[in-house]
Amino acid sequence: MKTVELKNILIHRIAEINDKSFLQAIKTILDSKSESKVLTLTPEQRNEIIASKKEVEQGLFIENDELEKEIDGWLNTK
């Protein structure tokens, strides 16, 4: 069976399904295999990213190595 034939069979079979949760499961599988990953952000997420970028531009961040040293210091304090 060729790929095109298999796709057509699946399209027709899916069109016959009325179970919403099953269709959602199929969508989840298809989304995970999609070649183009489009990430949709909420307005709140976009605003948080913009705010974070501004903080980085202002130098309001800590390098990962420094943070790890700081955490190690906390963990080793008794």
Protein backbone atom coordinates (compact mmCIF):
# COMPACT_ATOMS: atom_id res chain seq x y z
CA MET A 1 0.00 0.00 0.00
CA LYS A 2 1.37 3.40 -0.99
CA THR A 3 1.56 6.33 1.39
CA VAL A 4 -1.11 8.28 -0.52
CA GLU A 5 -3.51 5.34 -0.34
CA LEU A 6 -2.91 4.95 3.39
CA LYS A 7 -3.52 8.66 3.97
CA ASN A 8 -6.81 8.49 2.08
CA ILE A 9 -7.97 5.47 4.07
CA LEU A 10 -7.12 7.22 7.33
CA ILE A 11 -8.88 10.42 6.26
CA HIS A 12 -12.07 8.51 5.48
CA ARG A 13 -11.89 6.47 8.69
CA ILE A 14 -11.30 9.57 10.83
CA ALA A 15 -14.23 11.34 9.12
CA GLU A 16 -16.51 8.56 10.40
CA ILE A 17 -15.48 8.96 14.05
CA ASN A 18 -17.76 10.99 16.34
CA ASP A 19 -16.02 10.31 19.66
CA LYS A 20 -14.53 13.70 20.63
CA SER A 21 -12.00 12.32 23.12
CA PHE A 22 -10.76 9.77 20.57
CA LEU A 23 -10.44 12.49 17.93
CA GLN A 24 -8.54 14.65 20.43
CA ALA A 25 -6.17 11.74 21.07
CA ILE A 26 -5.56 11.40 17.33
CA LYS A 27 -4.94 15.15 17.12
CA THR A 28 -2.39 14.92 19.92
CA ILE A 29 -0.55 12.16 18.08
CA LEU A 30 -0.62 14.11 14.83
CA ASP A 31 0.55 17.28 16.55
CA SER A 32 3.55 15.44 17.99
CA LYS A 33 4.55 14.29 14.49
CA SER A 34 3.96 17.59 12.74
CA GLU A 35 6.96 18.86 10.80
CA SER A 36 6.20 22.49 11.54
CA LYS A 37 6.01 23.19 15.24
CA VAL A 38 4.05 26.38 15.83
CA LEU A 39 3.96 27.49 19.41
CA THR A 40 0.90 29.52 20.29
CA LEU A 41 1.37 31.79 23.27
CA THR A 42 -1.26 33.45 25.39
CA PRO A 43 -1.09 37.23 25.80
CA GLU A 44 0.15 36.70 29.35
CA GLN A 45 2.98 34.48 28.13
CA ARG A 46 3.97 37.05 25.48
CA ASN A 47 3.98 39.82 28.09
CA GLU A 48 6.13 37.72 30.42
CA ILE A 49 8.67 37.10 27.65
CA ILE A 50 8.80 40.82 26.81
CA ALA A 51 9.28 41.70 30.48
CA SER A 52 12.03 39.07 30.83
CA LYS A 53 13.87 40.41 27.78
CA LYS A 54 13.78 43.92 29.28
CA GLU A 55 15.23 42.57 32.55
CA VAL A 56 18.08 40.91 30.66
CA GLU A 57 18.78 44.14 28.75
CA GLN A 58 18.97 45.96 32.12
CA GLY A 59 21.37 43.36 33.52
CA LEU A 60 18.81 42.04 36.01
CA PHE A 61 19.82 38.42 35.76
CA ILE A 62 22.32 35.93 37.17
CA GLU A 63 24.52 33.60 35.15
CA ASN A 64 23.77 29.91 35.59
CA ASP A 65 27.23 29.12 37.03
CA GLU A 66 26.81 31.86 39.64
CA LEU A 67 23.36 30.60 40.55
CA GLU A 68 24.62 27.05 40.98
CA LYS A 69 27.40 28.28 43.30
CA GLU A 70 24.84 30.24 45.30
CA ILE A 71 22.53 27.23 45.60
CA ASP A 72 25.45 24.98 46.59
CA GLY A 73 26.27 27.51 49.30
CA TRP A 74 22.72 27.37 50.63
CA LEU A 75 22.67 23.58 50.58
CA ASN A 76 26.01 23.28 52.37
CA THR A 77 25.05 25.72 55.14
CA LYS A 78 24.00 23.95 58.32
